[in-house]
Amino acid sequence: MSRYVLIPDSFKGTMSSETVCQIMAQAIRRFEPAADIVQIPVADGGEGSVDAFLTALGGEKRGERVTGPLGKTVDSFWGVLSGGETAVIEMAAAAGLPQVGNTPDAAGATTYGVGELIRCALKAGCSKIILGLGGSATTDGGCGMAAALGAVFRDEKDRAFVPVGGTLHKIRRIELEGLDPRLQKVEITAMCDIDNPLFGPEGAAYVFGPQKGADPVCVEMLDQGLRHLSKVMGEQTGRDLENRPGAGAAGGLGYGVEAFLGAKLQMGIETVLETVRFDQVLQGADMVFSGEGKIDSQSVRGKVISGIAKHTKAAGVPFVAVVGDIGDGIEEAYRQGVSAVFSINRLAIPFAKAKPRAREDLRLTMENIIRFSRVLGSGRNA
């Protein structure tokens, strides 16, 4: 009996990672009904991360009412994995762009609800928290989150307030003594697939502020506010974290979770592989399949396929990437451990026309790969 491991990313805007897993599994079972198939949908930290982890490892999704990005109470959620020790939180579930609709406010949005979700995980007794940093509507450097967990921010008149992007410049002192003591006993890992610093031309405000509704004047104000936050925190703690890769993720929340909570920033795929104990999963596997919407030169720089390839290469397991488009500069992927790359695009047509048939094209491509692998294995037609 063959053993397959399916660990795809989503095909952005087309198929979720869970859907890709299901289609791949169905194609395999057409030819090998008794195959042992392990499905691990990849979570990148954005929307769907909680569901992906729950699908892969089991557990429970819990609904909560928390403070939304614009200060109003919103319906949110988080997940606790089987065993009850690990919580999975999407910051976007409490402070995401979809929750602001047509009224984005980069200067006024808060991560306070993210802190409330973390507090729920602490109350539940979780000893590890995985926090996804994708899809934010905020640029507050994580100050709202920290305030919800007990940090106190004071202005020049010693008044306590909860900073947002537009008021970061008012911070004169930060009191961290009141942070929830349970944080000291929890390991927090923030999933982050970008390497932007906190501020500057490549920072949170300039790169991501415009998509959150910030005009050029607002972008400059937000950037200056993040600089000020970093200066105050640096003076108080002696730690300079603003240039850490990923500090600018989620409007500076990448900086905030490390500065305020001592979290570890880690590439999303590494978090997934570590959490599912991928090296153990690989034992006895005959083939690994992954995939994403497009593979190109960026894919070999620590992204999903690159991260998986390092492990499959070490284990000596064939690794096939099934993707939408194949870009230039992917030769490094083969050196990293990818055995072969296949595109599901069967016709040379625009994406708008290819999208409706993506599921069927994926199924047919997988069937062709399995047919051929069986020919190689048996020496005859499948």
Protein backbone atom coordinates (compact mmCIF):
# COMPACT_ATOMS: atom_id res chain seq x y z
CA MET A 1 0.00 0.00 0.00
CA SER A 2 1.39 3.39 -1.04
CA ARG A 3 1.64 6.30 1.37
CA TYR A 4 1.17 9.86 0.13
CA VAL A 5 1.57 13.14 1.99
CA LEU A 6 -0.43 16.10 0.64
CA ILE A 7 0.70 19.49 1.91
CA PRO A 8 -0.42 22.22 -0.53
CA ASP A 9 -0.78 25.95 -0.10
CA SER A 10 -3.93 27.62 -1.40
CA PHE A 11 -4.23 28.67 -5.03
CA LYS A 12 -4.93 32.29 -4.14
CA GLY A 13 -8.35 33.44 -5.30
CA THR A 14 -9.18 30.03 -6.72
CA MET A 15 -8.94 27.12 -4.26
CA SER A 16 -8.26 26.87 -0.54
CA SER A 17 -5.52 24.54 0.65
CA GLU A 18 -8.21 22.24 2.08
CA THR A 19 -9.92 22.04 -1.32
CA VAL A 20 -6.62 21.30 -3.06
CA CYS A 21 -5.98 18.48 -0.57
CA GLN A 22 -9.40 16.97 -1.20
CA ILE A 23 -9.04 17.04 -5.00
CA MET A 24 -5.54 15.54 -4.84
CA ALA A 25 -6.76 12.77 -2.55
CA GLN A 26 -9.72 11.95 -4.78
CA ALA A 27 -7.46 11.68 -7.83
CA ILE A 28 -5.09 9.32 -6.03
CA ARG A 29 -7.90 7.12 -4.71
CA ARG A 30 -9.26 6.62 -8.22
CA PHE A 31 -6.22 4.48 -8.94
CA GLU A 32 -5.22 3.43 -5.43
CA PRO A 33 -8.37 3.10 -3.28
CA ALA A 34 -6.45 1.65 -0.35
CA ALA A 35 -3.67 4.26 -0.35
CA ASP A 36 -2.63 5.80 2.96
CA ILE A 37 -3.09 9.56 2.42
CA VAL A 38 -2.04 12.21 4.94
CA GLN A 39 -3.59 15.63 4.31
CA ILE A 40 -1.91 18.74 5.71
CA PRO A 41 -3.44 21.94 4.26
CA VAL A 42 -0.95 24.77 4.65
CA ALA A 43 -1.79 27.87 6.66
CA ASP A 44 0.18 31.02 5.85
CA GLY A 45 -1.06 33.17 8.73
CA GLY A 46 -3.90 34.84 6.87
CA GLU A 47 -7.55 33.99 6.45
CA GLY A 48 -8.19 30.27 6.80
CA SER A 49 -5.21 29.52 9.03
CA VAL A 50 -7.34 28.33 11.94
CA ASP A 51 -9.37 26.02 9.71
CA ALA A 52 -6.22 24.66 8.04
CA PHE A 53 -4.62 23.71 11.35
CA LEU A 54 -7.85 22.17 12.62
CA THR A 55 -8.19 20.14 9.44
CA ALA A 56 -4.63 18.86 9.74
CA LEU A 57 -4.53 18.17 13.46
CA GLY A 58 -8.10 18.22 14.76
CA GLY A 59 -9.43 20.37 17.55
CA GLU A 60 -12.16 22.89 18.18
CA LYS A 61 -13.09 26.27 16.73
CA ARG A 62 -14.36 28.67 19.38
CA GLY A 63 -16.43 31.77 18.74
CA GLU A 64 -15.78 35.01 20.66
CA ARG A 65 -17.08 38.57 20.74
CA VAL A 66 -14.16 40.98 20.71
CA THR A 67 -13.28 44.57 19.84
CA GLY A 68 -13.05 44.98 16.08
CA PRO A 69 -10.55 47.13 14.18
CA LEU A 70 -12.82 50.20 14.28
CA GLY A 71 -13.68 49.83 17.96
CA LYS A 72 -17.06 48.14 17.62
CA THR A 73 -17.73 44.65 18.96
CA VAL A 74 -17.45 41.97 16.27
CA ASP A 75 -17.93 38.21 16.02
CA SER A 76 -14.56 36.50 16.00
CA PHE A 77 -13.03 33.08 16.62
CA TRP A 78 -9.89 31.14 17.42
CA GLY A 79 -8.93 27.48 17.46
CA VAL A 80 -7.57 25.07 20.04
CA LEU A 81 -5.83 22.01 18.62
CA SER A 82 -6.39 18.46 19.84
CA GLY A 83 -4.91 18.04 23.28
CA GLY A 84 -5.82 21.58 24.33
CA GLU A 85 -2.24 22.83 24.59
CA THR A 86 -1.96 24.86 21.39
CA ALA A 87 -4.12 27.81 20.33
CA VAL A 88 -4.26 29.13 16.78
CA ILE A 89 -5.30 32.75 16.25
CA GLU A 90 -5.69 34.75 13.04
CA MET A 91 -5.09 38.40 13.79
CA ALA A 92 -7.37 39.16 10.84
CA ALA A 93 -10.25 37.53 12.72
CA ALA A 94 -10.21 40.51 15.08
CA ALA A 95 -8.46 43.25 13.11
CA GLY A 96 -8.69 42.33 9.45
CA LEU A 97 -9.45 44.30 6.31
CA PRO A 98 -12.73 42.45 5.62
CA GLN A 99 -14.08 43.80 8.91
CA VAL A 100 -13.69 47.42 7.86
CA GLY A 101 -15.49 46.94 4.55
CA ASN A 102 -15.55 50.14 2.55
CA THR A 103 -14.35 52.29 5.44
CA PRO A 104 -10.67 51.44 6.02
CA ASP A 105 -8.94 53.63 8.59
CA ALA A 106 -5.22 52.89 8.80
CA ALA A 107 -4.71 55.69 11.30
CA GLY A 108 -7.61 54.74 13.57
CA ALA A 109 -7.75 50.93 13.45
CA THR A 110 -6.75 48.92 16.51
CA THR A 111 -5.39 45.45 17.31
CA TYR A 112 -7.12 45.47 20.72
CA GLY A 113 -9.30 42.52 19.73
CA VAL A 114 -6.21 40.46 18.92
CA GLY A 115 -5.11 40.88 22.52
CA GLU A 116 -8.57 39.80 23.65
CA LEU A 117 -8.27 36.59 21.62
CA ILE A 118 -4.86 35.93 23.15
CA ARG A 119 -6.44 36.45 26.56
CA CYS A 120 -9.04 33.79 25.69
CA ALA A 121 -6.25 31.34 24.91
CA LEU A 122 -4.53 32.16 28.21
CA LYS A 123 -7.79 31.64 30.10
CA ALA A 124 -8.20 28.25 28.43
CA GLY A 125 -4.82 27.19 29.76
CA CYS A 126 -3.01 26.92 26.42
CA SER A 127 0.77 26.73 26.71
CA LYS A 128 1.50 27.59 23.07
CA ILE A 129 -0.07 30.19 20.80
CA ILE A 130 0.34 30.32 17.03
CA LEU A 131 -0.58 33.79 15.79
CA GLY A 132 -1.12 34.45 12.08
CA LEU A 133 -0.18 37.95 10.96
CA GLY A 134 -1.86 38.19 7.55
CA GLY A 135 -4.63 40.48 6.32
CA SER A 136 -4.52 43.32 8.84
CA ALA A 137 -6.45 46.59 8.69
CA THR A 138 -4.18 48.19 11.31
CA THR A 139 -0.95 50.13 11.66
CA ASP A 140 -0.68 50.47 15.43
CA GLY A 141 2.51 48.48 15.99
CA GLY A 142 0.59 46.04 18.19
CA CYS A 143 -0.13 48.64 20.85
CA GLY A 144 -3.84 47.80 20.96
CA MET A 145 -3.03 44.14 21.47
CA ALA A 146 -0.59 45.00 24.27
CA ALA A 147 -3.15 47.27 25.96
CA ALA A 148 -5.74 44.48 25.98
CA LEU A 149 -3.19 42.29 27.74
CA GLY A 150 -2.39 44.84 30.44
CA ALA A 151 0.22 47.24 29.06
CA VAL A 152 -0.40 50.91 29.85
CA PHE A 153 0.52 53.71 27.45
CA ARG A 154 0.83 57.26 28.81
CA ASP A 155 0.99 60.61 27.01
CA GLU A 156 2.92 63.76 27.94
CA LYS A 157 0.33 64.59 30.62
CA ASP A 158 0.66 61.09 32.10
CA ARG A 159 -2.81 60.11 30.90
CA ALA A 160 -3.39 56.49 29.97
CA PHE A 161 -4.67 55.84 26.45
CA VAL A 162 -4.80 53.08 23.84
CA PRO A 163 -2.65 54.16 20.87
CA VAL A 164 -3.69 53.66 17.27
CA GLY A 165 -1.63 54.43 14.20
CA GLY A 166 -2.59 58.10 14.27
CA THR A 167 -1.67 58.59 17.94
CA LEU A 168 1.55 56.60 18.28
CA HIS A 169 3.45 59.89 18.36
CA LYS A 170 1.74 60.77 21.66
CA ILE A 171 3.37 57.91 23.58
CA ARG A 172 5.76 59.16 26.24
CA ARG A 173 5.97 56.14 28.54
CA ILE A 174 4.97 52.48 28.38
CA GLU A 175 4.26 50.46 31.51
CA LEU A 176 4.73 46.75 30.93
CA GLU A 177 4.50 45.66 34.56
CA GLY A 178 0.77 45.05 34.23
CA LEU A 179 1.02 42.57 31.35
CA ASP A 180 -0.89 39.38 32.05
CA PRO A 181 1.53 37.20 34.08
CA ARG A 182 0.30 34.07 32.27
CA LEU A 183 2.21 35.33 29.21
CA GLN A 184 5.45 34.36 30.96
CA LYS A 185 4.48 30.70 30.76
CA VAL A 186 3.32 30.66 27.14
CA GLU A 187 5.32 30.14 23.96
CA ILE A 188 4.07 32.47 21.21
CA THR A 189 5.00 31.96 17.57
CA ALA A 190 3.94 34.54 15.00
CA MET A 191 3.53 33.26 11.45
CA CYS A 192 5.04 35.81 9.10
CA ASP A 193 5.85 35.37 5.41
CA ILE A 194 7.22 38.86 4.72
CA ASP A 195 10.56 40.33 5.76
CA ASN A 196 9.70 44.05 5.88
CA PRO A 197 11.15 46.17 8.71
CA LEU A 198 8.95 48.24 11.00
CA PHE A 199 9.43 51.60 9.29
CA GLY A 200 11.13 53.28 6.34
CA PRO A 201 10.55 52.91 2.58
CA GLU A 202 10.09 49.13 2.93
CA GLY A 203 8.24 49.34 6.25
CA ALA A 204 4.68 48.75 7.40
CA ALA A 205 3.28 52.19 6.55
CA TYR A 206 4.84 52.79 3.13
CA VAL A 207 4.36 49.28 1.75
CA PHE A 208 1.01 48.30 3.25
CA GLY A 209 -0.60 51.56 4.38
CA PRO A 210 -2.13 52.47 0.99
CA GLN A 211 -4.15 49.24 0.82
CA LYS A 212 -5.57 50.14 4.24
CA GLY A 213 -6.83 53.51 3.05
CA ALA A 214 -3.81 55.69 3.84
CA ASP A 215 -3.01 58.55 1.46
CA PRO A 216 0.61 59.81 1.13
CA VAL A 217 0.24 62.29 4.01
CA CYS A 218 -1.23 59.59 6.25
CA VAL A 219 1.48 57.12 5.26
CA GLU A 220 4.19 59.56 6.37
CA MET A 221 2.38 60.19 9.66
CA LEU A 222 2.05 56.45 10.31
CA ASP A 223 5.70 55.88 9.50
CA GLN A 224 6.76 58.60 11.93
CA GLY A 225 4.49 57.12 14.59
CA LEU A 226 6.07 53.68 14.22
CA ARG A 227 9.52 55.27 14.45
CA HIS A 228 8.47 56.99 17.65
CA LEU A 229 7.07 53.78 19.16
CA SER A 230 10.33 52.00 18.39
CA LYS A 231 12.35 54.83 19.95
CA VAL A 232 10.35 54.81 23.19
CA MET A 233 10.45 51.02 23.49
CA GLY A 234 14.15 50.94 22.67
CA GLU A 235 14.95 53.51 25.34
CA GLN A 236 12.93 51.63 27.95
CA THR A 237 14.03 48.08 27.15
CA GLY A 238 17.38 48.48 25.44
CA ARG A 239 16.18 46.28 22.59
CA ASP A 240 16.22 47.42 18.97
CA LEU A 241 13.81 45.19 17.07
CA GLU A 242 12.59 47.50 14.33
CA ASN A 243 14.80 45.98 11.62
CA ARG A 244 14.00 42.36 12.39
CA PRO A 245 12.65 40.63 9.25
CA GLY A 246 8.87 40.69 9.60
CA ALA A 247 8.72 43.55 12.11
CA GLY A 248 6.55 45.45 9.63
CA ALA A 249 4.05 42.61 9.20
CA ALA A 250 0.39 43.35 9.97
CA GLY A 251 0.92 47.06 10.45
CA GLY A 252 3.84 46.56 12.82
CA LEU A 253 2.19 43.79 14.81
CA GLY A 254 5.24 41.68 13.97
CA TYR A 255 7.29 44.17 15.95
CA GLY A 256 4.69 44.39 18.69
CA VAL A 257 4.37 40.69 19.44
CA GLU A 258 8.13 40.40 19.83
CA ALA A 259 8.65 43.66 21.71
CA PHE A 260 5.67 43.35 24.08
CA LEU A 261 5.17 39.58 24.35
CA GLY A 262 8.55 38.07 23.51
CA ALA A 263 7.10 36.14 20.58
CA LYS A 264 9.16 34.37 17.93
CA LEU A 265 8.64 35.47 14.31
CA GLN A 266 8.78 32.50 11.97
CA MET A 267 7.99 31.74 8.34
CA GLY A 268 4.52 30.24 8.06
CA ILE A 269 5.61 26.98 6.45
CA GLU A 270 8.21 26.36 9.17
CA THR A 271 5.50 26.84 11.79
CA VAL A 272 3.26 24.33 10.02
CA LEU A 273 6.02 21.75 9.58
CA GLU A 274 7.09 22.08 13.20
CA THR A 275 3.54 21.87 14.54
CA VAL A 276 2.53 18.79 12.53
CA ARG A 277 5.91 17.10 13.20
CA PHE A 278 6.52 16.80 9.50
CA ASP A 279 9.75 14.83 9.74
CA GLN A 280 7.86 12.09 11.55
CA VAL A 281 5.03 12.24 9.01
CA LEU A 282 7.58 11.66 6.23
CA GLN A 283 8.67 8.33 7.65
CA GLY A 284 7.49 5.62 5.27
CA ALA A 285 6.08 8.09 2.70
CA ASP A 286 6.36 7.14 -0.97
CA MET A 287 5.67 10.60 -2.36
CA VAL A 288 4.86 14.14 -1.21
CA PHE A 289 2.65 16.52 -3.18
CA SER A 290 2.45 20.26 -2.62
CA GLY A 291 1.26 23.13 -4.75
CA GLU A 292 0.42 26.82 -5.00
CA GLY A 293 -1.01 29.26 -7.49
CA LYS A 294 2.35 30.07 -9.05
CA ILE A 295 5.92 28.94 -8.61
CA ASP A 296 8.63 31.44 -9.50
CA SER A 297 11.92 32.80 -8.21
CA GLN A 298 10.21 34.06 -5.04
CA SER A 299 9.00 30.56 -4.20
CA VAL A 300 12.54 29.38 -3.49
CA ARG A 301 13.15 32.04 -0.83
CA GLY A 302 11.69 30.32 2.20
CA LYS A 303 8.14 29.96 0.93
CA VAL A 304 5.97 26.83 1.12
CA ILE A 305 7.55 24.67 -1.59
CA SER A 306 11.08 25.65 -0.59
CA GLY A 307 10.44 24.88 3.06
CA ILE A 308 8.96 21.46 2.35
CA ALA A 309 11.72 20.56 -0.12
CA LYS A 310 14.46 20.84 2.49
CA HIS A 311 12.75 18.20 4.61
CA THR A 312 11.83 15.81 1.79
CA LYS A 313 15.37 16.00 0.41
CA ALA A 314 16.83 15.11 3.79
CA ALA A 315 14.39 12.20 4.09
CA GLY A 316 14.97 11.00 0.52
CA VAL A 317 11.26 11.21 -0.38
CA PRO A 318 10.18 12.28 -3.92
CA PHE A 319 8.48 15.68 -3.86
CA VAL A 320 6.18 16.90 -6.64
CA ALA A 321 4.86 20.47 -6.89
CA VAL A 322 1.53 20.88 -8.71
CA VAL A 323 0.93 24.55 -9.48
CA GLY A 324 -1.13 26.97 -11.51
CA ASP A 325 1.59 28.86 -13.36
CA ILE A 326 5.31 28.20 -13.70
CA GLY A 327 7.42 31.34 -13.77
CA ASP A 328 11.07 31.89 -14.60
CA GLY A 329 13.97 31.22 -12.28
CA ILE A 330 12.76 28.05 -10.54
CA GLU A 331 15.94 26.02 -11.09
CA GLU A 332 16.89 26.49 -7.45
CA ALA A 333 13.75 24.59 -6.45
CA TYR A 334 15.20 21.41 -7.95
CA ARG A 335 18.47 21.91 -6.11
CA GLN A 336 16.51 22.35 -2.88
CA GLY A 337 14.78 19.01 -3.29
CA VAL A 338 11.79 19.39 -5.61
CA SER A 339 11.65 16.33 -7.86
CA ALA A 340 9.27 17.73 -10.51
CA VAL A 341 6.93 20.65 -11.18
CA PHE A 342 3.65 20.35 -13.11
CA SER A 343 1.23 23.09 -14.15
CA ILE A 344 -2.51 22.37 -14.06
CA ASN A 345 -3.14 24.82 -16.92
CA ARG A 346 -4.21 22.66 -19.85
CA LEU A 347 -5.07 25.53 -22.22
CA ALA A 348 -3.33 28.82 -22.96
CA ILE A 349 -6.17 31.06 -21.77
CA PRO A 350 -6.45 34.13 -19.50
CA PHE A 351 -6.81 33.59 -15.75
CA ALA A 352 -10.43 34.76 -15.80
CA LYS A 353 -11.28 31.85 -18.09
CA ALA A 354 -8.94 29.37 -16.39
CA LYS A 355 -10.26 30.03 -12.89
CA PRO A 356 -13.69 28.32 -13.29
CA ARG A 357 -12.04 25.14 -14.53
CA ALA A 358 -9.16 25.10 -12.00
CA ARG A 359 -10.60 22.31 -9.86
CA GLU A 360 -11.19 20.01 -12.79
CA ASP A 361 -7.77 20.83 -14.25
CA LEU A 362 -6.12 20.04 -10.93
CA ARG A 363 -7.93 16.70 -10.75
CA LEU A 364 -6.94 15.74 -14.30
CA THR A 365 -3.32 16.77 -13.74
CA MET A 366 -3.10 14.73 -10.56
CA GLU A 367 -4.61 11.73 -12.32
CA ASN A 368 -2.00 12.00 -15.08
CA ILE A 369 0.81 12.14 -12.52
CA ILE A 370 -0.50 9.09 -10.68
CA ARG A 371 -1.00 7.22 -13.97
CA PHE A 372 2.60 7.88 -14.93
CA SER A 373 4.02 7.04 -11.50
CA ARG A 374 2.19 3.69 -11.64
CA VAL A 375 3.65 3.04 -15.10
CA LEU A 376 7.13 3.71 -13.76
CA GLY A 377 6.45 1.44 -10.80
CA SER A 378 4.94 -1.46 -12.74
CA GLY A 379 6.48 -1.18 -16.17
CA ARG A 380 3.08 -1.28 -17.87
CA ASN A 381 0.10 0.97 -18.57
CA ALA A 382 -1.96 2.01 -15.52
